[in-house]
Amino acid sequence: MNWYLAKIVYQVISGKGVHNPQVDEQFRLIKADELEWAWEKAQIVGRRGEDIFKNDRDENVHWNFIAVEDVTPIENMEDGSQIYARTKEPESMEEYIQLTKAKAKLLYANSTTTIVA
């Protein structure tokens, strides 16, 4: 059996859909004998992920499966192995660096609180 990384994409519609368009991109690990079977399994996972539920404003929220956008073999499952990368072109590098460092600091603060508690 081999491991694959599948990108599954959903459209999210709240209430009557009068809001900024929302898309949820999920990266899921799939275990399969071959790429074709991994693709089929990812399709099943995507369809099973469709849902309708109520939000905090008592509106229906629809998660509509769009597609499996990509399935990539994971060659090496070892500590520190890269399984996903994306290159961005931020409008402001300074703002991007500040935001990234702030998120990292918050994550670290929350993790040390959890570990100590």
PDB file of N, CA and C in Angstrom:
ATOM      1  N   MET A   1       0.844  -1.188   0.000  1.00  0.00           N
ATOM      2  CA  MET A   1       0.000   0.000   0.000  1.00  0.00           C
ATOM      3  C   MET A   1       0.885   1.245   0.000  1.00  0.00           C
ATOM      4  N   ASN A   2       0.421   2.257  -0.708  1.00  0.00           N
ATOM      5  CA  ASN A   2       1.145   3.517  -0.832  1.00  0.00           C
ATOM      6  C   ASN A   2       0.308   4.648  -0.238  1.00  0.00           C
ATOM      7  N   TRP A   3       0.987   5.730   0.126  1.00  0.00           N
ATOM      8  CA  TRP A   3       0.303   6.922   0.610  1.00  0.00           C
ATOM      9  C   TRP A   3       0.242   7.978  -0.483  1.00  0.00           C
ATOM     10  N   TYR A   4      -0.880   8.697  -0.514  1.00  0.00           N
ATOM     11  CA  TYR A   4      -1.111   9.771  -1.478  1.00  0.00           C
ATOM     12  C   TYR A   4      -1.683  10.965  -0.728  1.00  0.00           C
ATOM     13  N   LEU A   5      -1.425  12.153  -1.257  1.00  0.00           N
ATOM     14  CA  LEU A   5      -2.014  13.371  -0.724  1.00  0.00           C
ATOM     15  C   LEU A   5      -3.048  13.855  -1.734  1.00  0.00           C
ATOM     16  N   ALA A   6      -4.298  13.942  -1.290  1.00  0.00           N
ATOM     17  CA  ALA A   6      -5.387  14.356  -2.173  1.00  0.00           C
ATOM     18  C   ALA A   6      -5.880  15.737  -1.766  1.00  0.00           C
ATOM     19  N   LYS A   7      -6.091  16.597  -2.751  1.00  0.00           N
ATOM     20  CA  LYS A   7      -6.681  17.913  -2.509  1.00  0.00           C
ATOM     21  C   LYS A   7      -8.155  17.831  -2.894  1.00  0.00           C
ATOM     22  N   ILE A   8      -9.012  18.005  -1.889  1.00  0.00           N
ATOM     23  CA  ILE A   8     -10.462  17.921  -2.073  1.00  0.00           C
ATOM     24  C   ILE A   8     -11.031  19.317  -1.867  1.00  0.00           C
ATOM     25  N   VAL A   9     -11.880  19.762  -2.793  1.00  0.00           N
ATOM     26  CA  VAL A   9     -12.379  21.136  -2.766  1.00  0.00           C
ATOM     27  C   VAL A   9     -13.900  21.155  -2.610  1.00  0.00           C
ATOM     28  N   TYR A  10     -14.351  22.004  -1.681  1.00  0.00           N
ATOM     29  CA  TYR A  10     -15.784  22.192  -1.423  1.00  0.00           C
ATOM     30  C   TYR A  10     -16.157  23.659  -1.616  1.00  0.00           C
ATOM     31  N   GLN A  11     -17.373  23.883  -2.056  1.00  0.00           N
ATOM     32  CA  GLN A  11     -17.959  25.221  -2.059  1.00  0.00           C
ATOM     33  C   GLN A  11     -18.799  25.323  -0.788  1.00  0.00           C
ATOM     34  N   VAL A  12     -18.660  26.439  -0.073  1.00  0.00           N
ATOM     35  CA  VAL A  12     -19.401  26.650   1.166  1.00  0.00           C
ATOM     36  C   VAL A  12     -20.390  27.789   0.940  1.00  0.00           C
ATOM     37  N   ILE A  13     -21.675  27.491   1.139  1.00  0.00           N
ATOM     38  CA  ILE A  13     -22.720  28.488   0.942  1.00  0.00           C
ATOM     39  C   ILE A  13     -23.519  28.596   2.236  1.00  0.00           C
ATOM     40  N   SER A  14     -23.557  29.815   2.794  1.00  0.00           N
ATOM     41  CA  SER A  14     -24.316  30.071   4.016  1.00  0.00           C
ATOM     42  C   SER A  14     -25.599  30.799   3.672  1.00  0.00           C
ATOM     43  N   GLY A  15     -26.692  30.363   4.280  1.00  0.00           N
ATOM     44  CA  GLY A  15     -27.987  31.014   4.067  1.00  0.00           C
ATOM     45  C   GLY A  15     -28.355  31.040   2.601  1.00  0.00           C
ATOM     46  N   LYS A  16     -28.686  32.226   2.093  1.00  0.00           N
ATOM     47  CA  LYS A  16     -29.079  32.386   0.695  1.00  0.00           C
ATOM     48  C   LYS A  16     -27.880  32.640  -0.214  1.00  0.00           C
ATOM     49  N   GLY A  17     -26.692  32.566   0.348  1.00  0.00           N
ATOM     50  CA  GLY A  17     -25.481  32.723  -0.463  1.00  0.00           C
ATOM     51  C   GLY A  17     -25.099  34.157  -0.746  1.00  0.00           C
ATOM     52  N   VAL A  18     -25.676  35.098   0.014  1.00  0.00           N
ATOM     53  CA  VAL A  18     -25.366  36.511  -0.184  1.00  0.00           C
ATOM     54  C   VAL A  18     -24.158  36.853   0.702  1.00  0.00           C
ATOM     55  N   HIS A  19     -22.995  36.400   0.267  1.00  0.00           N
ATOM     56  CA  HIS A  19     -21.759  36.631   1.001  1.00  0.00           C
ATOM     57  C   HIS A  19     -20.600  36.417   0.038  1.00  0.00           C
ATOM     58  N   ASN A  20     -19.410  36.758   0.479  1.00  0.00           N
ATOM     59  CA  ASN A  20     -18.239  36.503  -0.356  1.00  0.00           C
ATOM     60  C   ASN A  20     -18.147  35.011  -0.634  1.00  0.00           C
ATOM     61  N   PRO A  21     -17.789  34.640  -1.851  1.00  0.00           N
ATOM     62  CA  PRO A  21     -17.667  33.213  -2.162  1.00  0.00           C
ATOM     63  C   PRO A  21     -16.660  32.548  -1.219  1.00  0.00           C
ATOM     64  N   GLN A  22     -17.011  31.338  -0.780  1.00  0.00           N
ATOM     65  CA  GLN A  22     -16.130  30.578   0.101  1.00  0.00           C
ATOM     66  C   GLN A  22     -15.833  29.213  -0.493  1.00  0.00           C
ATOM     67  N   VAL A  23     -14.571  28.838  -0.418  1.00  0.00           N
ATOM     68  CA  VAL A  23     -14.116  27.527  -0.880  1.00  0.00           C
ATOM     69  C   VAL A  23     -13.270  26.936   0.232  1.00  0.00           C
ATOM     70  N   ASP A  24     -13.498  25.671   0.536  1.00  0.00           N
ATOM     71  CA  ASP A  24     -12.691  24.972   1.528  1.00  0.00           C
ATOM     72  C   ASP A  24     -11.825  23.959   0.790  1.00  0.00           C
ATOM     73  N   GLU A  25     -10.509  24.116   0.897  1.00  0.00           N
ATOM     74  CA  GLU A  25      -9.561  23.201   0.269  1.00  0.00           C
ATOM     75  C   GLU A  25      -8.992  22.309   1.361  1.00  0.00           C
ATOM     76  N   GLN A  26      -9.222  21.014   1.235  1.00  0.00           N
ATOM     77  CA  GLN A  26      -8.745  20.067   2.234  1.00  0.00           C
ATOM     78  C   GLN A  26      -7.676  19.174   1.628  1.00  0.00           C
ATOM     79  N   PHE A  27      -6.639  18.923   2.396  1.00  0.00           N
ATOM     80  CA  PHE A  27      -5.574  18.020   1.984  1.00  0.00           C
ATOM     81  C   PHE A  27      -5.697  16.776   2.850  1.00  0.00           C
ATOM     82  N   ARG A  28      -5.985  15.646   2.209  1.00  0.00           N
ATOM     83  CA  ARG A  28      -6.248  14.409   2.925  1.00  0.00           C
ATOM     84  C   ARG A  28      -5.251  13.338   2.537  1.00  0.00           C
ATOM     85  N   LEU A  29      -4.834  12.545   3.532  1.00  0.00           N
ATOM     86  CA  LEU A  29      -3.997  11.386   3.262  1.00  0.00           C
ATOM     87  C   LEU A  29      -4.875  10.228   2.817  1.00  0.00           C
ATOM     88  N   ILE A  30      -4.463   9.585   1.748  1.00  0.00           N
ATOM     89  CA  ILE A  30      -5.191   8.441   1.199  1.00  0.00           C
ATOM     90  C   ILE A  30      -4.210   7.283   1.066  1.00  0.00           C
ATOM     91  N   LYS A  31      -4.615   6.111   1.513  1.00  0.00           N
ATOM     92  CA  LYS A  31      -3.773   4.918   1.397  1.00  0.00           C
ATOM     93  C   LYS A  31      -4.395   4.000   0.351  1.00  0.00           C
ATOM     94  N   ALA A  32      -3.604   3.653  -0.677  1.00  0.00           N
ATOM     95  CA  ALA A  32      -4.132   2.836  -1.774  1.00  0.00           C
ATOM     96  C   ALA A  32      -2.989   2.111  -2.470  1.00  0.00           C
ATOM     97  N   ASP A  33      -3.354   1.075  -3.229  1.00  0.00           N
ATOM     98  CA  ASP A  33      -2.360   0.296  -3.967  1.00  0.00           C
ATOM     99  C   ASP A  33      -1.768   1.066  -5.131  1.00  0.00           C
ATOM    100  N   GLU A  34      -2.603   1.911  -5.767  1.00  0.00           N
ATOM    101  CA  GLU A  34      -2.146   2.624  -6.964  1.00  0.00           C
ATOM    102  C   GLU A  34      -2.869   3.963  -7.071  1.00  0.00           C
ATOM    103  N   LEU A  35      -2.342   4.826  -7.941  1.00  0.00           N
ATOM    104  CA  LEU A  35      -2.870   6.178  -8.094  1.00  0.00           C
ATOM    105  C   LEU A  35      -4.354   6.194  -8.448  1.00  0.00           C
ATOM    106  N   GLU A  36      -4.793   5.335  -9.346  1.00  0.00           N
ATOM    107  CA  GLU A  36      -6.195   5.325  -9.768  1.00  0.00           C
ATOM    108  C   GLU A  36      -7.129   5.016  -8.599  1.00  0.00           C
ATOM    109  N   TRP A  37      -6.725   4.068  -7.757  1.00  0.00           N
ATOM    110  CA  TRP A  37      -7.536   3.718  -6.601  1.00  0.00           C
ATOM    111  C   TRP A  37      -7.519   4.851  -5.578  1.00  0.00           C
ATOM    112  N   ALA A  38      -6.392   5.517  -5.422  1.00  0.00           N
ATOM    113  CA  ALA A  38      -6.317   6.669  -4.524  1.00  0.00           C
ATOM    114  C   ALA A  38      -7.275   7.764  -4.995  1.00  0.00           C
ATOM    115  N   TRP A  39      -7.326   7.984  -6.299  1.00  0.00           N
ATOM    116  CA  TRP A  39      -8.239   8.982  -6.879  1.00  0.00           C
ATOM    117  C   TRP A  39      -9.690   8.618  -6.558  1.00  0.00           C
ATOM    118  N   GLU A  40     -10.047   7.347  -6.737  1.00  0.00           N
ATOM    119  CA  GLU A  40     -11.417   6.894  -6.449  1.00  0.00           C
ATOM    120  C   GLU A  40     -11.748   7.068  -4.969  1.00  0.00           C
ATOM    121  N   LYS A  41     -10.812   6.686  -4.104  1.00  0.00           N
ATOM    122  CA  LYS A  41     -11.040   6.835  -2.668  1.00  0.00           C
ATOM    123  C   LYS A  41     -11.207   8.302  -2.290  1.00  0.00           C
ATOM    124  N   ALA A  42     -10.427   9.185  -2.891  1.00  0.00           N
ATOM    125  CA  ALA A  42     -10.545  10.620  -2.612  1.00  0.00           C
ATOM    126  C   ALA A  42     -11.914  11.143  -3.053  1.00  0.00           C
ATOM    127  N   GLN A  43     -12.421  10.642  -4.173  1.00  0.00           N
ATOM    128  CA  GLN A  43     -13.763  11.023  -4.641  1.00  0.00           C
ATOM    129  C   GLN A  43     -14.820  10.622  -3.602  1.00  0.00           C
ATOM    130  N   ILE A  44     -14.673   9.431  -3.058  1.00  0.00           N
ATOM    131  CA  ILE A  44     -15.619   8.944  -2.046  1.00  0.00           C
ATOM    132  C   ILE A  44     -15.540   9.811  -0.789  1.00  0.00           C
ATOM    133  N   VAL A  45     -14.330  10.107  -0.351  1.00  0.00           N
ATOM    134  CA  VAL A  45     -14.140  10.972   0.822  1.00  0.00           C
ATOM    135  C   VAL A  45     -14.783  12.334   0.558  1.00  0.00           C
ATOM    136  N   GLY A  46     -14.581  12.870  -0.633  1.00  0.00           N
ATOM    137  CA  GLY A  46     -15.154  14.170  -0.978  1.00  0.00           C
ATOM    138  C   GLY A  46     -16.667  14.166  -0.947  1.00  0.00           C
ATOM    139  N   ARG A  47     -17.278  13.154  -1.531  1.00  0.00           N
ATOM    140  CA  ARG A  47     -18.749  13.073  -1.539  1.00  0.00           C
ATOM    141  C   ARG A  47     -19.291  12.898  -0.123  1.00  0.00           C
ATOM    142  N   ARG A  48     -18.592  12.102   0.683  1.00  0.00           N
ATOM    143  CA  ARG A  48     -19.036  11.885   2.071  1.00  0.00           C
ATOM    144  C   ARG A  48     -18.890  13.146   2.917  1.00  0.00           C
ATOM    145  N   GLY A  49     -18.045  14.057   2.491  1.00  0.00           N
ATOM    146  CA  GLY A  49     -17.834  15.297   3.231  1.00  0.00           C
ATOM    147  C   GLY A  49     -18.899  16.352   2.986  1.00  0.00           C
ATOM    148  N   GLU A  50     -19.765  16.114   1.997  1.00  0.00           N
ATOM    149  CA  GLU A  50     -20.852  17.069   1.763  1.00  0.00           C
ATOM    150  C   GLU A  50     -21.756  17.083   2.995  1.00  0.00           C
ATOM    151  N   ASP A  51     -22.237  18.275   3.338  1.00  0.00           N
ATOM    152  CA  ASP A  51     -23.019  18.380   4.561  1.00  0.00           C
ATOM    153  C   ASP A  51     -23.903  19.607   4.505  1.00  0.00           C
ATOM    154  N   ILE A  52     -24.953  19.589   5.306  1.00  0.00           N
ATOM    155  CA  ILE A  52     -25.809  20.754   5.548  1.00  0.00           C
ATOM    156  C   ILE A  52     -26.007  20.827   7.056  1.00  0.00           C
ATOM    157  N   PHE A  53     -25.744  22.005   7.617  1.00  0.00           N
ATOM    158  CA  PHE A  53     -25.934  22.182   9.059  1.00  0.00           C
ATOM    159  C   PHE A  53     -26.317  23.632   9.324  1.00  0.00           C
ATOM    160  N   LYS A  54     -26.718  23.928  10.537  1.00  0.00           N
ATOM    161  CA  LYS A  54     -27.112  25.289  10.931  1.00  0.00           C
ATOM    162  C   LYS A  54     -25.914  26.022  11.523  1.00  0.00           C
ATOM    163  N   ASN A  55     -25.752  27.288  11.124  1.00  0.00           N
ATOM    164  CA  ASN A  55     -24.700  28.110  11.728  1.00  0.00           C
ATOM    165  C   ASN A  55     -25.256  28.837  12.944  1.00  0.00           C
ATOM    166  N   ASP A  56     -24.464  29.725  13.525  1.00  0.00           N
ATOM    167  CA  ASP A  56     -24.883  30.435  14.736  1.00  0.00           C
ATOM    168  C   ASP A  56     -26.005  31.447  14.487  1.00  0.00           C
ATOM    169  N   ARG A  57     -26.311  31.734  13.215  1.00  0.00           N
ATOM    170  CA  ARG A  57     -27.427  32.624  12.862  1.00  0.00           C
ATOM    171  C   ARG A  57     -28.650  31.831  12.414  1.00  0.00           C
ATOM    172  N   ASP A  58     -28.627  30.524  12.684  1.00  0.00           N
ATOM    173  CA  ASP A  58     -29.718  29.603  12.332  1.00  0.00           C
ATOM    174  C   ASP A  58     -29.965  29.537  10.820  1.00  0.00           C
ATOM    175  N   GLU A  59     -28.898  29.764  10.035  1.00  0.00           N
ATOM    176  CA  GLU A  59     -28.979  29.628   8.578  1.00  0.00           C
ATOM    177  C   GLU A  59     -28.403  28.265   8.185  1.00  0.00           C
ATOM    178  N   ASN A  60     -28.938  27.701   7.123  1.00  0.00           N
ATOM    179  CA  ASN A  60     -28.347  26.478   6.600  1.00  0.00           C
ATOM    180  C   ASN A  60     -27.002  26.791   5.956  1.00  0.00           C
ATOM    181  N   VAL A  61     -26.022  25.956   6.239  1.00  0.00           N
ATOM    182  CA  VAL A  61     -24.714  26.050   5.612  1.00  0.00           C
ATOM    183  C   VAL A  61     -24.530  24.787   4.785  1.00  0.00           C
ATOM    184  N   HIS A  62     -24.296  24.971   3.494  1.00  0.00           N
ATOM    185  CA  HIS A  62     -24.121  23.846   2.567  1.00  0.00           C
ATOM    186  C   HIS A  62     -22.650  23.691   2.221  1.00  0.00           C
ATOM    187  N   TRP A  63     -22.125  22.492   2.398  1.00  0.00           N
ATOM    188  CA  TRP A  63     -20.792  22.139   1.932  1.00  0.00           C
ATOM    189  C   TRP A  63     -20.997  21.259   0.709  1.00  0.00           C
ATOM    190  N   ASN A  64     -20.722  21.805  -0.462  1.00  0.00           N
ATOM    191  CA  ASN A  64     -20.921  21.098  -1.720  1.00  0.00           C
ATOM    192  C   ASN A  64     -19.575  20.652  -2.287  1.00  0.00           C
ATOM    193  N   PHE A  65     -19.443  19.365  -2.483  1.00  0.00           N
ATOM    194  CA  PHE A  65     -18.227  18.800  -3.061  1.00  0.00           C
ATOM    195  C   PHE A  65     -18.088  19.282  -4.500  1.00  0.00           C
ATOM    196  N   ILE A  66     -16.946  19.891  -4.812  1.00  0.00           N
ATOM    197  CA  ILE A  66     -16.687  20.345  -6.175  1.00  0.00           C
ATOM    198  C   ILE A  66     -15.900  19.285  -6.932  1.00  0.00           C
ATOM    199  N   ALA A  67     -14.727  18.922  -6.396  1.00  0.00           N
ATOM    200  CA  ALA A  67     -13.881  17.975  -7.123  1.00  0.00           C
ATOM    201  C   ALA A  67     -12.677  17.573  -6.277  1.00  0.00           C
ATOM    202  N   VAL A  68     -12.049  16.503  -6.713  1.00  0.00           N
ATOM    203  CA  VAL A  68     -10.705  16.168  -6.249  1.00  0.00           C
ATOM    204  C   VAL A  68      -9.783  16.837  -7.245  1.00  0.00           C
ATOM    205  N   GLU A  69      -9.071  17.860  -6.803  1.00  0.00           N
ATOM    206  CA  GLU A  69      -8.269  18.663  -7.708  1.00  0.00           C
ATOM    207  C   GLU A  69      -6.910  18.035  -8.007  1.00  0.00           C
ATOM    208  N   ASP A  70      -6.403  17.254  -7.063  1.00  0.00           N
ATOM    209  CA  ASP A  70      -5.081  16.681  -7.274  1.00  0.00           C
ATOM    210  C   ASP A  70      -4.899  15.472  -6.369  1.00  0.00           C
ATOM    211  N   VAL A  71      -4.153  14.499  -6.831  1.00  0.00           N
ATOM    212  CA  VAL A  71      -3.719  13.361  -6.027  1.00  0.00           C
ATOM    213  C   VAL A  71      -2.246  13.144  -6.352  1.00  0.00           C
ATOM    214  N   THR A  72      -1.410  13.202  -5.312  1.00  0.00           N
ATOM    215  CA  THR A  72       0.035  13.114  -5.487  1.00  0.00           C
ATOM    216  C   THR A  72       0.599  12.016  -4.599  1.00  0.00           C
ATOM    217  N   PRO A  73       1.433  11.143  -5.157  1.00  0.00           N
ATOM    218  CA  PRO A  73       2.074  10.122  -4.312  1.00  0.00           C
ATOM    219  C   PRO A  73       3.000  10.758  -3.288  1.00  0.00           C
ATOM    220  N   ILE A  74       3.009  10.204  -2.101  1.00  0.00           N
ATOM    221  CA  ILE A  74       3.966  10.606  -1.076  1.00  0.00           C
ATOM    222  C   ILE A  74       5.041   9.535  -1.066  1.00  0.00           C
ATOM    223  N   GLU A  75       6.204   9.919  -1.498  1.00  0.00           N
ATOM    224  CA  GLU A  75       7.296   8.965  -1.689  1.00  0.00           C
ATOM    225  C   GLU A  75       7.908   8.493  -0.386  1.00  0.00           C
ATOM    226  N   ASN A  76       7.936   9.375   0.604  1.00  0.00           N
ATOM    227  CA  ASN A  76       8.704   9.081   1.787  1.00  0.00           C
ATOM    228  C   ASN A  76       7.946   9.561   3.018  1.00  0.00           C
ATOM    229  N   MET A  77       7.542   8.642   3.890  1.00  0.00           N
ATOM    230  CA  MET A  77       6.823   9.012   5.109  1.00  0.00           C
ATOM    231  C   MET A  77       7.777   8.918   6.298  1.00  0.00           C
ATOM    232  N   GLU A  78       8.627   9.914   6.430  1.00  0.00           N
ATOM    233  CA  GLU A  78       9.565   9.976   7.542  1.00  0.00           C
ATOM    234  C   GLU A  78       9.414  11.312   8.242  1.00  0.00           C
ATOM    235  N   ASP A  79       9.924  11.386   9.457  1.00  0.00           N
ATOM    236  CA  ASP A  79       9.868  12.613  10.225  1.00  0.00           C
ATOM    237  C   ASP A  79      10.491  13.754   9.416  1.00  0.00           C
ATOM    238  N   GLY A  80       9.731  14.806   9.228  1.00  0.00           N
ATOM    239  CA  GLY A  80      10.223  15.969   8.495  1.00  0.00           C
ATOM    240  C   GLY A  80      10.010  15.917   6.997  1.00  0.00           C
ATOM    241  N   SER A  81       9.387  14.852   6.485  1.00  0.00           N
ATOM    242  CA  SER A  81       9.144  14.758   5.045  1.00  0.00           C
ATOM    243  C   SER A  81       8.179  15.843   4.589  1.00  0.00           C
ATOM    244  N   GLN A  82       8.450  16.424   3.450  1.00  0.00           N
ATOM    245  CA  GLN A  82       7.551  17.435   2.884  1.00  0.00           C
ATOM    246  C   GLN A  82       6.385  16.732   2.207  1.00  0.00           C
ATOM    247  N   ILE A  83       5.168  17.140   2.555  1.00  0.00           N
ATOM    248  CA  ILE A  83       4.003  16.567   1.890  1.00  0.00           C
ATOM    249  C   ILE A  83       3.195  17.623   1.144  1.00  0.00           C
ATOM    250  N   TYR A  84       3.508  18.906   1.372  1.00  0.00           N
ATOM    251  CA  TYR A  84       2.765  19.957   0.695  1.00  0.00           C
ATOM    252  C   TYR A  84       3.607  21.232   0.687  1.00  0.00           C
ATOM    253  N   ALA A  85       3.552  21.962  -0.401  1.00  0.00           N
ATOM    254  CA  ALA A  85       4.217  23.263  -0.487  1.00  0.00           C
ATOM    255  C   ALA A  85       3.431  24.145  -1.446  1.00  0.00           C
ATOM    256  N   ARG A  86       3.444  25.436  -1.184  1.00  0.00           N
ATOM    257  CA  ARG A  86       2.765  26.382  -2.068  1.00  0.00           C
ATOM    258  C   ARG A  86       3.587  27.662  -2.085  1.00  0.00           C
ATOM    259  N   THR A  87       3.812  28.231  -3.240  1.00  0.00           N
ATOM    260  CA  THR A  87       4.528  29.492  -3.370  1.00  0.00           C
ATOM    261  C   THR A  87       3.506  30.614  -3.497  1.00  0.00           C
ATOM    262  N   LYS A  88       3.683  31.646  -2.700  1.00  0.00           N
ATOM    263  CA  LYS A  88       2.770  32.785  -2.719  1.00  0.00           C
ATOM    264  C   LYS A  88       3.517  34.020  -3.181  1.00  0.00           C
ATOM    265  N   GLU A  89       2.771  34.992  -3.658  1.00  0.00           N
ATOM    266  CA  GLU A  89       3.313  36.295  -4.032  1.00  0.00           C
ATOM    267  C   GLU A  89       2.509  37.365  -3.302  1.00  0.00           C
ATOM    268  N   PRO A  90       2.862  37.614  -2.030  1.00  0.00           N
ATOM    269  CA  PRO A  90       2.080  38.590  -1.256  1.00  0.00           C
ATOM    270  C   PRO A  90       2.259  40.009  -1.788  1.00  0.00           C
ATOM    271  N   GLU A  91       1.222  40.801  -1.608  1.00  0.00           N
ATOM    272  CA  GLU A  91       1.303  42.202  -2.035  1.00  0.00           C
ATOM    273  C   GLU A  91       2.345  42.953  -1.216  1.00  0.00           C
ATOM    274  N   SER A  92       2.437  42.635   0.081  1.00  0.00           N
ATOM    275  CA  SER A  92       3.411  43.284   0.954  1.00  0.00           C
ATOM    276  C   SER A  92       4.186  42.213   1.711  1.00  0.00           C
ATOM    277  N   MET A  93       5.458  42.072   1.404  1.00  0.00           N
ATOM    278  CA  MET A  93       6.289  41.073   2.075  1.00  0.00           C
ATOM    279  C   MET A  93       6.398  41.379   3.562  1.00  0.00           C
ATOM    280  N   GLU A  94       6.516  42.667   3.923  1.00  0.00           N
ATOM    281  CA  GLU A  94       6.637  43.037   5.332  1.00  0.00           C
ATOM    282  C   GLU A  94       5.398  42.609   6.116  1.00  0.00           C
ATOM    283  N   GLU A  95       4.209  42.890   5.576  1.00  0.00           N
ATOM    284  CA  GLU A  95       2.971  42.496   6.246  1.00  0.00           C
ATOM    285  C   GLU A  95       2.860  40.976   6.338  1.00  0.00           C
ATOM    286  N   TYR A  96       3.252  40.292   5.284  1.00  0.00           N
ATOM    287  CA  TYR A  96       3.191  38.833   5.277  1.00  0.00           C
ATOM    288  C   TYR A  96       4.103  38.252   6.366  1.00  0.00           C
ATOM    289  N   ILE A  97       5.323  38.775   6.480  1.00  0.00           N
ATOM    290  CA  ILE A  97       6.266  38.292   7.488  1.00  0.00           C
ATOM    291  C   ILE A  97       5.738  38.579   8.888  1.00  0.00           C
ATOM    292  N   GLN A  98       5.214  39.767   9.113  1.00  0.00           N
ATOM    293  CA  GLN A  98       4.669  40.120  10.425  1.00  0.00           C
ATOM    294  C   GLN A  98       3.511  39.201  10.807  1.00  0.00           C
ATOM    295  N   LEU A  99       2.598  38.974   9.876  1.00  0.00           N
ATOM    296  CA  LEU A  99       1.448  38.113  10.141  1.00  0.00           C
ATOM    297  C   LEU A  99       1.896  36.672  10.402  1.00  0.00           C
ATOM    298  N   THR A 100       2.835  36.187   9.622  1.00  0.00           N
ATOM    299  CA  THR A 100       3.338  34.825   9.801  1.00  0.00           C
ATOM    300  C   THR A 100       3.985  34.668  11.171  1.00  0.00           C
ATOM    301  N   LYS A 101       4.802  35.636  11.569  1.00  0.00           N
ATOM    302  CA  LYS A 101       5.458  35.566  12.877  1.00  0.00           C
ATOM    303  C   LYS A 101       4.444  35.678  14.014  1.00  0.00           C
ATOM    304  N   ALA A 102       3.409  36.499  13.835  1.00  0.00           N
ATOM    305  CA  ALA A 102       2.370  36.638  14.861  1.00  0.00           C
ATOM    306  C   ALA A 102       1.601  35.325  15.026  1.00  0.00           C
ATOM    307  N   LYS A 103       1.269  34.679  13.915  1.00  0.00           N
ATOM    308  CA  LYS A 103       0.572  33.387  13.980  1.00  0.00           C
ATOM    309  C   LYS A 103       1.442  32.335  14.663  1.00  0.00           C
ATOM    310  N   ALA A 104       2.734  32.309  14.319  1.00  0.00           N
ATOM    311  CA  ALA A 104       3.655  31.344  14.917  1.00  0.00           C
ATOM    312  C   ALA A 104       3.780  31.586  16.420  1.00  0.00           C
ATOM    313  N   LYS A 105       3.857  32.845  16.822  1.00  0.00           N
ATOM    314  CA  LYS A 105       3.978  33.181  18.235  1.00  0.00           C
ATOM    315  C   LYS A 105       2.730  32.738  18.993  1.00  0.00           C
ATOM    316  N   LEU A 106       1.555  32.973  18.415  1.00  0.00           N
ATOM    317  CA  LEU A 106       0.295  32.566  19.034  1.00  0.00           C
ATOM    318  C   LEU A 106       0.216  31.040  19.143  1.00  0.00           C
ATOM    319  N   LEU A 107       0.602  30.350  18.097  1.00  0.00           N
ATOM    320  CA  LEU A 107       0.594  28.892  18.104  1.00  0.00           C
ATOM    321  C   LEU A 107       1.519  28.360  19.194  1.00  0.00           C
ATOM    322  N   TYR A 108       2.716  28.942  19.282  1.00  0.00           N
ATOM    323  CA  TYR A 108       3.677  28.521  20.300  1.00  0.00           C
ATOM    324  C   TYR A 108       3.128  28.795  21.695  1.00  0.00           C
ATOM    325  N   ALA A 109       2.557  29.966  21.898  1.00  0.00           N
ATOM    326  CA  ALA A 109       1.994  30.325  23.220  1.00  0.00           C
ATOM    327  C   ALA A 109       0.891  29.360  23.615  1.00  0.00           C
ATOM    328  N   ASN A 110       0.019  29.020  22.664  1.00  0.00           N
ATOM    329  CA  ASN A 110      -1.071  28.090  22.948  1.00  0.00           C
ATOM    330  C   ASN A 110      -0.560  26.692  23.203  1.00  0.00           C
ATOM    331  N   SER A 111       0.468  26.264  22.484  1.00  0.00           N
ATOM    332  CA  SER A 111       0.981  24.900  22.661  1.00  0.00           C
ATOM    333  C   SER A 111       1.706  24.758  23.979  1.00  0.00           C
ATOM    334  N   THR A 112       2.442  25.770  24.420  1.00  0.00           N
ATOM    335  CA  THR A 112       3.145  25.663  25.693  1.00  0.00           C
ATOM    336  C   THR A 112       2.159  25.735  26.849  1.00  0.00           C
ATOM    337  N   THR A 113       1.069  26.479  26.693  1.00  0.00           N
ATOM    338  CA  THR A 113       0.035  26.508  27.718  1.00  0.00           C
ATOM    339  C   THR A 113      -0.600  25.146  27.856  1.00  0.00           C
ATOM    340  N   THR A 114      -0.864  24.500  26.740  1.00  0.00           N
ATOM    341  CA  THR A 114      -1.478  23.173  26.742  1.00  0.00           C
ATOM    342  C   THR A 114      -0.526  22.144  27.341  1.00  0.00           C
ATOM    343  N   ILE A 115       0.737  22.227  27.000  1.00  0.00           N
ATOM    344  CA  ILE A 115       1.714  21.253  27.491  1.00  0.00           C
ATOM    345  C   ILE A 115       1.897  21.410  28.994  1.00  0.00           C
ATOM    346  N   VAL A 116       1.965  22.647  29.481  1.00  0.00           N
ATOM    347  CA  VAL A 116       2.198  22.902  30.903  1.00  0.00           C
ATOM    348  C   VAL A 116       0.978  22.538  31.734  1.00  0.00           C
ATOM    349  N   ALA A 117      -0.208  22.776  31.212  1.00  0.00           N
ATOM    350  CA  ALA A 117      -1.445  22.561  31.974  1.00  0.00           C
ATOM    351  C   ALA A 117      -1.695  21.142  32.343  1.00  0.00           C
TER     352      ALA A 117
END
